[in-house]
Amino acid sequence: MKTTSTAIDNITEVLTRIVEFTERRREVLTRNLFDYKTDGFRPKDLPVFEFAECMTEAVSEHLRTQRLLLCDRDHITFGEEGSFDALADVDAEAENLLKTNTKHYLQMQIHKLSENLMNNRIAVELLKQKQPYGLL
């Protein structure tokens, strides 16, 4: 299969969105670890499955038509020039766990951070392979 420059740019776009999403999620999850003792605190998370659906549909569209189509969802919106927004929402499961078992709540947040870091690293490494040396 011949790869066109458009296809390369589309895949780079997807990987860049994944890196940005995982960096934003790291910030949210880190706040969950540092702020959990604050009065009125409610743990949040970004809509991981919603974002994954957006990326899956974009890649599927790319495979079918060689174009990238990024579609908005309830908590994920795509804007001009590659911008996007992901709105954090209260993580009900984490909130309930925080009320009942702080140790397990903290373990959950650390696990989510580890998984998120792995996803970030994979996307960064794939981007490095696509970029000319020293540009990323």
N, C-alpha and C. Protein backbone atom coordinates (compact mmCIF):
# COMPACT_ATOMS: atom_id res chain seq x y z
N MET A 1 0.84 -1.18 0.00
CA MET A 1 0.00 0.00 0.00
C MET A 1 0.88 1.24 0.00
N LYS A 2 0.59 2.14 -0.89
CA LYS A 2 1.35 3.38 -0.99
C LYS A 2 0.85 4.39 0.04
N THR A 3 1.78 5.00 0.78
CA THR A 3 1.42 6.00 1.78
C THR A 3 1.62 7.38 1.17
N THR A 4 0.58 8.20 1.24
CA THR A 4 0.68 9.54 0.71
C THR A 4 1.05 10.50 1.83
N SER A 5 1.46 11.71 1.46
CA SER A 5 1.79 12.70 2.48
C SER A 5 0.55 13.07 3.29
N THR A 6 -0.63 13.03 2.66
CA THR A 6 -1.87 13.29 3.39
C THR A 6 -2.09 12.24 4.46
N ALA A 7 -1.84 10.99 4.12
CA ALA A 7 -2.00 9.90 5.09
C ALA A 7 -1.03 10.09 6.25
N ILE A 8 0.20 10.45 5.96
CA ILE A 8 1.18 10.67 7.02
C ILE A 8 0.73 11.82 7.91
N ASP A 9 0.27 12.91 7.32
CA ASP A 9 -0.20 14.05 8.10
C ASP A 9 -1.41 13.67 8.96
N ASN A 10 -2.31 12.84 8.42
CA ASN A 10 -3.48 12.41 9.18
C ASN A 10 -3.08 11.59 10.40
N ILE A 11 -2.16 10.66 10.23
CA ILE A 11 -1.71 9.84 11.34
C ILE A 11 -0.96 10.70 12.36
N THR A 12 -0.17 11.63 11.89
CA THR A 12 0.51 12.56 12.80
C THR A 12 -0.51 13.35 13.60
N GLU A 13 -1.57 13.77 12.95
CA GLU A 13 -2.64 14.51 13.63
C GLU A 13 -3.27 13.68 14.74
N VAL A 14 -3.57 12.42 14.47
CA VAL A 14 -4.16 11.54 15.47
C VAL A 14 -3.20 11.35 16.65
N LEU A 15 -1.95 11.08 16.36
CA LEU A 15 -0.96 10.87 17.42
C LEU A 15 -0.78 12.14 18.26
N THR A 16 -0.81 13.29 17.61
CA THR A 16 -0.67 14.56 18.33
C THR A 16 -1.86 14.77 19.27
N ARG A 17 -3.06 14.44 18.81
CA ARG A 17 -4.25 14.57 19.67
C ARG A 17 -4.15 13.63 20.87
N ILE A 18 -3.63 12.42 20.64
CA ILE A 18 -3.47 11.46 21.75
C ILE A 18 -2.47 11.99 22.77
N VAL A 19 -1.37 12.55 22.31
CA VAL A 19 -0.38 13.12 23.23
C VAL A 19 -1.01 14.26 24.03
N GLU A 20 -1.71 15.15 23.36
CA GLU A 20 -2.34 16.28 24.06
C GLU A 20 -3.39 15.80 25.06
N PHE A 21 -4.20 14.83 24.68
CA PHE A 21 -5.23 14.32 25.58
C PHE A 21 -4.59 13.69 26.82
N THR A 22 -3.57 12.87 26.62
CA THR A 22 -2.94 12.21 27.77
C THR A 22 -2.22 13.21 28.67
N GLU A 23 -1.69 14.28 28.11
CA GLU A 23 -1.06 15.31 28.95
C GLU A 23 -2.12 16.04 29.78
N ARG A 24 -3.26 16.33 29.19
CA ARG A 24 -4.34 16.98 29.94
C ARG A 24 -4.88 16.04 31.03
N ARG A 25 -5.01 14.76 30.68
CA ARG A 25 -5.53 13.80 31.65
C ARG A 25 -4.56 13.64 32.82
N ARG A 26 -3.27 13.67 32.54
CA ARG A 26 -2.27 13.58 33.62
C ARG A 26 -2.48 14.70 34.63
N GLU A 27 -2.76 15.90 34.14
CA GLU A 27 -2.99 17.04 35.03
C GLU A 27 -4.22 16.81 35.92
N VAL A 28 -5.30 16.29 35.33
CA VAL A 28 -6.52 16.03 36.09
C VAL A 28 -6.27 14.95 37.14
N LEU A 29 -5.63 13.87 36.74
CA LEU A 29 -5.38 12.76 37.67
C LEU A 29 -4.40 13.17 38.78
N THR A 30 -3.44 13.99 38.44
CA THR A 30 -2.50 14.46 39.46
C THR A 30 -3.23 15.32 40.49
N ARG A 31 -4.15 16.15 40.05
CA ARG A 31 -4.95 16.94 40.99
C ARG A 31 -5.76 16.03 41.91
N ASN A 32 -6.23 14.89 41.37
CA ASN A 32 -6.97 13.94 42.20
C ASN A 32 -6.10 13.39 43.34
N LEU A 33 -4.82 13.28 43.10
CA LEU A 33 -3.91 12.78 44.14
C LEU A 33 -3.55 13.85 45.14
N PHE A 34 -3.35 15.06 44.69
CA PHE A 34 -2.88 16.12 45.59
C PHE A 34 -4.00 16.85 46.32
N ASP A 35 -5.20 16.85 45.75
CA ASP A 35 -6.27 17.66 46.33
C ASP A 35 -7.34 16.85 47.07
N TYR A 36 -7.17 15.54 47.20
CA TYR A 36 -8.24 14.71 47.72
C TYR A 36 -8.62 15.01 49.16
N LYS A 37 -7.75 15.66 49.92
CA LYS A 37 -8.06 16.02 51.31
C LYS A 37 -8.72 17.40 51.43
N THR A 38 -8.84 18.11 50.34
CA THR A 38 -9.43 19.45 50.33
C THR A 38 -10.94 19.35 50.54
N ASP A 39 -11.48 20.23 51.37
CA ASP A 39 -12.93 20.26 51.61
C ASP A 39 -13.69 20.44 50.30
N GLY A 40 -14.70 19.64 50.11
CA GLY A 40 -15.55 19.74 48.92
C GLY A 40 -14.94 19.14 47.66
N PHE A 41 -13.77 18.52 47.78
CA PHE A 41 -13.11 17.95 46.60
C PHE A 41 -13.93 16.82 46.00
N ARG A 42 -13.99 16.81 44.68
CA ARG A 42 -14.63 15.72 43.93
C ARG A 42 -13.67 15.30 42.83
N PRO A 43 -13.24 14.04 42.83
CA PRO A 43 -12.29 13.59 41.80
C PRO A 43 -12.92 13.65 40.41
N LYS A 44 -12.09 13.99 39.45
CA LYS A 44 -12.54 14.10 38.06
C LYS A 44 -11.67 13.25 37.16
N ASP A 45 -12.15 13.07 35.96
CA ASP A 45 -11.37 12.39 34.93
C ASP A 45 -11.85 12.91 33.59
N LEU A 46 -11.01 12.74 32.59
CA LEU A 46 -11.40 13.08 31.23
C LEU A 46 -12.15 11.89 30.63
N PRO A 47 -12.98 12.11 29.64
CA PRO A 47 -13.78 11.04 29.04
C PRO A 47 -12.94 10.15 28.12
N VAL A 48 -12.24 9.20 28.71
CA VAL A 48 -11.30 8.36 27.97
C VAL A 48 -12.00 7.58 26.86
N PHE A 49 -13.11 6.93 27.18
CA PHE A 49 -13.79 6.11 26.17
C PHE A 49 -14.37 6.97 25.05
N GLU A 50 -14.85 8.12 25.40
CA GLU A 50 -15.38 9.05 24.40
C GLU A 50 -14.27 9.49 23.45
N PHE A 51 -13.10 9.82 24.01
CA PHE A 51 -11.97 10.22 23.19
C PHE A 51 -11.51 9.05 22.32
N ALA A 52 -11.46 7.85 22.90
CA ALA A 52 -11.05 6.67 22.13
C ALA A 52 -12.00 6.43 20.96
N GLU A 53 -13.30 6.62 21.17
CA GLU A 53 -14.26 6.48 20.08
C GLU A 53 -13.99 7.50 18.97
N CYS A 54 -13.68 8.72 19.35
CA CYS A 54 -13.36 9.76 18.36
C CYS A 54 -12.15 9.35 17.52
N MET A 55 -11.12 8.88 18.19
CA MET A 55 -9.89 8.50 17.48
C MET A 55 -10.11 7.26 16.62
N THR A 56 -10.88 6.29 17.12
CA THR A 56 -11.18 5.08 16.35
C THR A 56 -11.95 5.43 15.08
N GLU A 57 -12.94 6.29 15.21
CA GLU A 57 -13.71 6.71 14.04
C GLU A 57 -12.84 7.49 13.06
N ALA A 58 -11.95 8.32 13.58
CA ALA A 58 -11.07 9.10 12.70
C ALA A 58 -10.15 8.18 11.92
N VAL A 59 -9.58 7.18 12.59
CA VAL A 59 -8.68 6.25 11.90
C VAL A 59 -9.46 5.41 10.90
N SER A 60 -10.66 4.98 11.26
CA SER A 60 -11.50 4.21 10.32
C SER A 60 -11.81 5.03 9.08
N GLU A 61 -12.16 6.28 9.29
CA GLU A 61 -12.44 7.18 8.15
C GLU A 61 -11.19 7.36 7.30
N HIS A 62 -10.06 7.49 7.95
CA HIS A 62 -8.79 7.63 7.23
C HIS A 62 -8.52 6.40 6.36
N LEU A 63 -8.76 5.22 6.91
CA LEU A 63 -8.51 3.99 6.16
C LEU A 63 -9.46 3.87 4.96
N ARG A 64 -10.69 4.33 5.13
CA ARG A 64 -11.68 4.25 4.04
C ARG A 64 -11.45 5.29 2.97
N THR A 65 -11.13 6.53 3.38
CA THR A 65 -11.17 7.64 2.42
C THR A 65 -9.87 8.44 2.31
N GLN A 66 -8.85 8.07 3.11
CA GLN A 66 -7.59 8.81 3.14
C GLN A 66 -7.77 10.25 3.60
N ARG A 67 -8.79 10.51 4.39
CA ARG A 67 -8.98 11.84 4.99
C ARG A 67 -9.29 11.64 6.46
N LEU A 68 -9.01 12.63 7.23
CA LEU A 68 -9.22 12.55 8.67
C LEU A 68 -10.46 13.36 9.03
N LEU A 69 -11.38 12.73 9.70
CA LEU A 69 -12.60 13.39 10.13
C LEU A 69 -12.71 13.23 11.64
N LEU A 70 -12.54 14.34 12.35
CA LEU A 70 -12.62 14.34 13.81
C LEU A 70 -14.00 14.88 14.20
N CYS A 71 -14.80 14.04 14.84
CA CYS A 71 -16.17 14.41 15.18
C CYS A 71 -16.30 14.71 16.67
N ASP A 72 -17.05 15.76 16.96
CA ASP A 72 -17.31 16.16 18.35
C ASP A 72 -18.16 15.11 19.05
N ARG A 73 -18.03 15.10 20.36
CA ARG A 73 -18.86 14.28 21.24
C ARG A 73 -19.38 15.20 22.35
N ASP A 74 -20.03 14.62 23.33
CA ASP A 74 -20.58 15.41 24.43
C ASP A 74 -19.50 16.19 25.18
N HIS A 75 -18.35 15.56 25.44
CA HIS A 75 -17.29 16.18 26.24
C HIS A 75 -16.01 16.45 25.47
N ILE A 76 -16.01 16.12 24.18
CA ILE A 76 -14.84 16.32 23.32
C ILE A 76 -15.27 17.17 22.14
N THR A 77 -14.56 18.29 21.92
CA THR A 77 -14.86 19.13 20.76
C THR A 77 -13.56 19.47 20.03
N PHE A 78 -13.66 19.50 18.72
CA PHE A 78 -12.52 19.82 17.88
C PHE A 78 -12.75 21.18 17.23
N GLY A 79 -11.70 22.00 17.23
CA GLY A 79 -11.81 23.35 16.70
C GLY A 79 -10.91 23.58 15.51
N GLU A 80 -10.67 24.85 15.25
CA GLU A 80 -9.85 25.28 14.13
C GLU A 80 -8.38 24.95 14.36
N GLU A 81 -7.67 24.71 13.29
CA GLU A 81 -6.22 24.53 13.28
C GLU A 81 -5.73 23.48 14.28
N GLY A 82 -6.48 22.37 14.39
CA GLY A 82 -6.05 21.26 15.22
C GLY A 82 -6.35 21.40 16.71
N SER A 83 -7.03 22.45 17.11
CA SER A 83 -7.34 22.60 18.53
C SER A 83 -8.46 21.63 18.92
N PHE A 84 -8.48 21.27 20.18
CA PHE A 84 -9.58 20.48 20.69
C PHE A 84 -9.72 20.72 22.19
N ASP A 85 -10.87 20.36 22.71
CA ASP A 85 -11.11 20.52 24.14
C ASP A 85 -11.71 19.24 24.67
N ALA A 86 -11.30 18.87 25.86
CA ALA A 86 -11.83 17.70 26.55
C ALA A 86 -12.24 18.16 27.94
N LEU A 87 -13.51 18.04 28.24
CA LEU A 87 -14.02 18.53 29.52
C LEU A 87 -13.97 17.42 30.57
N ALA A 88 -13.34 17.73 31.69
CA ALA A 88 -13.29 16.79 32.81
C ALA A 88 -14.64 16.74 33.48
N ASP A 89 -15.00 15.57 33.95
CA ASP A 89 -16.26 15.39 34.65
C ASP A 89 -15.99 14.63 35.94
N VAL A 90 -16.90 14.72 36.90
CA VAL A 90 -16.74 14.02 38.17
C VAL A 90 -16.68 12.52 37.89
N ASP A 91 -15.72 11.86 38.49
CA ASP A 91 -15.55 10.41 38.39
C ASP A 91 -16.30 9.79 39.56
N ALA A 92 -17.53 9.33 39.30
CA ALA A 92 -18.40 8.82 40.36
C ALA A 92 -17.80 7.61 41.06
N GLU A 93 -17.18 6.72 40.30
CA GLU A 93 -16.57 5.54 40.90
C GLU A 93 -15.46 5.94 41.87
N ALA A 94 -14.59 6.85 41.43
CA ALA A 94 -13.51 7.32 42.30
C ALA A 94 -14.06 8.07 43.50
N GLU A 95 -15.11 8.85 43.29
CA GLU A 95 -15.71 9.60 44.39
C GLU A 95 -16.25 8.65 45.47
N ASN A 96 -16.93 7.59 45.05
CA ASN A 96 -17.45 6.61 46.01
C ASN A 96 -16.32 5.89 46.72
N LEU A 97 -15.28 5.55 45.99
CA LEU A 97 -14.13 4.87 46.59
C LEU A 97 -13.42 5.78 47.59
N LEU A 98 -13.31 7.05 47.28
CA LEU A 98 -12.68 8.00 48.19
C LEU A 98 -13.44 8.06 49.52
N LYS A 99 -14.75 7.96 49.46
CA LYS A 99 -15.56 8.01 50.67
C LYS A 99 -15.44 6.74 51.51
N THR A 100 -15.16 5.61 50.85
CA THR A 100 -15.18 4.33 51.57
C THR A 100 -13.81 3.75 51.85
N ASN A 101 -12.83 4.02 50.98
CA ASN A 101 -11.52 3.40 51.15
C ASN A 101 -10.44 4.26 50.48
N THR A 102 -9.86 5.14 51.25
CA THR A 102 -8.89 6.10 50.73
C THR A 102 -7.69 5.40 50.09
N LYS A 103 -7.22 4.33 50.71
CA LYS A 103 -6.06 3.60 50.17
C LYS A 103 -6.36 3.08 48.76
N HIS A 104 -7.53 2.48 48.58
CA HIS A 104 -7.88 1.97 47.25
C HIS A 104 -8.12 3.11 46.26
N TYR A 105 -8.65 4.23 46.75
CA TYR A 105 -8.83 5.40 45.89
C TYR A 105 -7.47 5.85 45.35
N LEU A 106 -6.49 5.96 46.24
CA LEU A 106 -5.15 6.40 45.82
C LEU A 106 -4.52 5.40 44.85
N GLN A 107 -4.70 4.11 45.12
CA GLN A 107 -4.18 3.09 44.21
C GLN A 107 -4.84 3.20 42.83
N MET A 108 -6.14 3.48 42.83
CA MET A 108 -6.85 3.64 41.56
C MET A 108 -6.27 4.80 40.76
N GLN A 109 -6.04 5.93 41.43
CA GLN A 109 -5.51 7.10 40.74
C GLN A 109 -4.10 6.84 40.21
N ILE A 110 -3.29 6.15 40.99
CA ILE A 110 -1.93 5.82 40.54
C ILE A 110 -1.99 4.87 39.35
N HIS A 111 -2.89 3.91 39.39
CA HIS A 111 -3.05 2.99 38.26
C HIS A 111 -3.47 3.75 36.99
N LYS A 112 -4.42 4.66 37.14
CA LYS A 112 -4.86 5.46 35.99
C LYS A 112 -3.71 6.32 35.44
N LEU A 113 -2.93 6.89 36.35
CA LEU A 113 -1.78 7.68 35.91
C LEU A 113 -0.77 6.83 35.16
N SER A 114 -0.51 5.63 35.65
CA SER A 114 0.44 4.72 34.99
C SER A 114 -0.04 4.34 33.60
N GLU A 115 -1.31 3.98 33.49
CA GLU A 115 -1.89 3.63 32.20
C GLU A 115 -1.83 4.82 31.24
N ASN A 116 -2.15 5.99 31.75
CA ASN A 116 -2.12 7.20 30.94
C ASN A 116 -0.70 7.50 30.46
N LEU A 117 0.28 7.33 31.34
CA LEU A 117 1.68 7.56 30.96
C LEU A 117 2.10 6.59 29.85
N MET A 118 1.69 5.34 29.96
CA MET A 118 2.03 4.36 28.93
C MET A 118 1.43 4.78 27.58
N ASN A 119 0.17 5.21 27.58
CA ASN A 119 -0.46 5.66 26.33
C ASN A 119 0.25 6.87 25.75
N ASN A 120 0.66 7.79 26.61
CA ASN A 120 1.39 8.97 26.18
C ASN A 120 2.72 8.57 25.56
N ARG A 121 3.45 7.70 26.24
CA ARG A 121 4.77 7.27 25.75
C ARG A 121 4.70 6.60 24.39
N ILE A 122 3.68 5.75 24.22
CA ILE A 122 3.52 5.06 22.94
C ILE A 122 3.29 6.08 21.82
N ALA A 123 2.38 7.02 22.05
CA ALA A 123 2.09 8.03 21.03
C ALA A 123 3.31 8.90 20.74
N VAL A 124 4.04 9.29 21.79
CA VAL A 124 5.24 10.11 21.61
C VAL A 124 6.29 9.35 20.79
N GLU A 125 6.49 8.09 21.13
CA GLU A 125 7.50 7.29 20.40
C GLU A 125 7.10 7.11 18.93
N LEU A 126 5.82 6.88 18.67
CA LEU A 126 5.37 6.77 17.28
C LEU A 126 5.55 8.09 16.54
N LEU A 127 5.29 9.19 17.21
CA LEU A 127 5.50 10.50 16.59
C LEU A 127 6.97 10.74 16.30
N LYS A 128 7.83 10.34 17.21
CA LYS A 128 9.28 10.51 16.98
C LYS A 128 9.73 9.77 15.73
N GLN A 129 9.15 8.62 15.48
CA GLN A 129 9.51 7.86 14.28
C GLN A 129 9.04 8.55 13.01
N LYS A 130 8.01 9.36 13.11
CA LYS A 130 7.47 10.06 11.94
C LYS A 130 8.15 11.41 11.70
N GLN A 131 8.78 11.98 12.73
CA GLN A 131 9.36 13.31 12.64
C GLN A 131 10.84 13.23 12.20
N PRO A 132 11.28 14.25 11.47
CA PRO A 132 12.71 14.35 11.18
C PRO A 132 13.47 14.48 12.51
N TYR A 133 14.68 14.00 12.54
CA TYR A 133 15.50 14.01 13.75
C TYR A 133 15.53 15.38 14.40
N GLY A 134 15.27 15.38 15.72
CA GLY A 134 15.44 16.59 16.51
C GLY A 134 14.29 17.56 16.50
N LEU A 135 13.19 17.27 15.80
CA LEU A 135 12.09 18.22 15.74
C LEU A 135 11.02 17.97 16.78
N LEU A 136 11.09 16.86 17.48
CA LEU A 136 10.07 16.59 18.49
C LEU A 136 10.69 16.58 19.86
